[in-house]
Amino acid sequence: MNIPLSFHKVSFVIENLSSYIRSWQKIIELKPLVIYPGHGKTMKISDLTDNIIYLSKISLK
């Protein structure tokens, strides 16, 4: 499934928000130079660190 990312690099499909946030935190802790997602363009670690604050504002329905 090709799931697009929003402006803040957040997937439009999230089943478990706490797992999703932990996943981002683990990636950030590893301090990769480049992130190669399963789909889409490569990202810098700053894409996650700059946008992780927006995850707490998500309301799953």
C-alpha atoms as a PDB file:
ATOM      1  CA  MET A   1       0.000   0.000   0.000  1.00  0.00           C
ATOM      2  CA  ASN A   2       1.403   3.393  -0.955  1.00  0.00           C
ATOM      3  CA  ILE A   3       0.421   5.736   1.873  1.00  0.00           C
ATOM      4  CA  PRO A   4       1.175   9.408   1.234  1.00  0.00           C
ATOM      5  CA  LEU A   5       2.662  11.601   3.941  1.00  0.00           C
ATOM      6  CA  SER A   6       1.061  14.854   5.001  1.00  0.00           C
ATOM      7  CA  PHE A   7       2.860  18.190   5.057  1.00  0.00           C
ATOM      8  CA  HIS A   8       4.360  17.261   8.445  1.00  0.00           C
ATOM      9  CA  LYS A   9       5.653  13.863   7.205  1.00  0.00           C
ATOM     10  CA  VAL A  10       2.883  12.017   9.048  1.00  0.00           C
ATOM     11  CA  SER A  11       1.224   9.054   7.366  1.00  0.00           C
ATOM     12  CA  PHE A  12      -2.486   9.445   6.630  1.00  0.00           C
ATOM     13  CA  VAL A  13      -3.113   5.922   7.942  1.00  0.00           C
ATOM     14  CA  ILE A  14      -2.183   5.298  11.591  1.00  0.00           C
ATOM     15  CA  GLU A  15      -3.684   2.389  13.513  1.00  0.00           C
ATOM     16  CA  ASN A  16      -1.853   2.801  16.822  1.00  0.00           C
ATOM     17  CA  LEU A  17      -0.656   6.336  17.549  1.00  0.00           C
ATOM     18  CA  SER A  18       1.535   5.455  20.541  1.00  0.00           C
ATOM     19  CA  SER A  19       3.352   2.804  18.467  1.00  0.00           C
ATOM     20  CA  TYR A  20       3.780   5.285  15.641  1.00  0.00           C
ATOM     21  CA  ILE A  21       5.313   7.868  17.996  1.00  0.00           C
ATOM     22  CA  ARG A  22       7.649   5.263  19.558  1.00  0.00           C
ATOM     23  CA  SER A  23       8.740   4.267  16.060  1.00  0.00           C
ATOM     24  CA  TRP A  24       9.704   7.856  15.263  1.00  0.00           C
ATOM     25  CA  GLN A  25      11.509   8.174  18.609  1.00  0.00           C
ATOM     26  CA  LYS A  26      13.543   5.023  17.952  1.00  0.00           C
ATOM     27  CA  ILE A  27      14.562   6.285  14.525  1.00  0.00           C
ATOM     28  CA  ILE A  28      15.523   9.681  15.990  1.00  0.00           C
ATOM     29  CA  GLU A  29      17.647   7.970  18.690  1.00  0.00           C
ATOM     30  CA  LEU A  30      19.592   6.117  15.978  1.00  0.00           C
ATOM     31  CA  LYS A  31      20.534   9.470  14.373  1.00  0.00           C
ATOM     32  CA  PRO A  32      20.580   8.254  10.759  1.00  0.00           C
ATOM     33  CA  LEU A  33      21.979  10.560   8.088  1.00  0.00           C
ATOM     34  CA  VAL A  34      19.254   9.550   5.636  1.00  0.00           C
ATOM     35  CA  ILE A  35      15.933   7.768   6.133  1.00  0.00           C
ATOM     36  CA  TYR A  36      14.782   5.485   3.321  1.00  0.00           C
ATOM     37  CA  PRO A  37      11.023   4.918   3.775  1.00  0.00           C
ATOM     38  CA  GLY A  38       9.314   1.949   2.160  1.00  0.00           C
ATOM     39  CA  HIS A  39       7.557   4.356  -0.200  1.00  0.00           C
ATOM     40  CA  GLY A  40       8.304   7.882  -1.279  1.00  0.00           C
ATOM     41  CA  LYS A  41      11.348  10.098  -1.191  1.00  0.00           C
ATOM     42  CA  THR A  42      14.257   9.869   1.224  1.00  0.00           C
ATOM     43  CA  MET A  43      14.111  12.061   4.319  1.00  0.00           C
ATOM     44  CA  LYS A  44      16.551  13.704   6.699  1.00  0.00           C
ATOM     45  CA  ILE A  45      16.380  13.108  10.444  1.00  0.00           C
ATOM     46  CA  SER A  46      15.267  16.742  10.774  1.00  0.00           C
ATOM     47  CA  ASP A  47      12.049  15.796   8.959  1.00  0.00           C
ATOM     48  CA  LEU A  48      11.157  13.699  12.001  1.00  0.00           C
ATOM     49  CA  THR A  49      12.594  15.891  14.751  1.00  0.00           C
ATOM     50  CA  ASP A  50      10.933  19.014  13.359  1.00  0.00           C
ATOM     51  CA  ASN A  51       7.537  17.351  12.957  1.00  0.00           C
ATOM     52  CA  ILE A  52       7.191  14.925  15.874  1.00  0.00           C
ATOM     53  CA  ILE A  53       5.369  17.620  17.873  1.00  0.00           C
ATOM     54  CA  TYR A  54       2.474  17.379  15.434  1.00  0.00           C
ATOM     55  CA  LEU A  55       1.908  13.718  16.305  1.00  0.00           C
ATOM     56  CA  SER A  56       0.569  14.660  19.734  1.00  0.00           C
ATOM     57  CA  LYS A  57      -2.101  16.797  18.051  1.00  0.00           C
ATOM     58  CA  ILE A  58      -3.531  13.883  16.047  1.00  0.00           C
ATOM     59  CA  SER A  59      -6.943  12.584  17.017  1.00  0.00           C
ATOM     60  CA  LEU A  60      -7.637   9.072  15.725  1.00  0.00           C
ATOM     61  CA  LYS A  61     -11.212   8.208  14.832  1.00  0.00           C
END
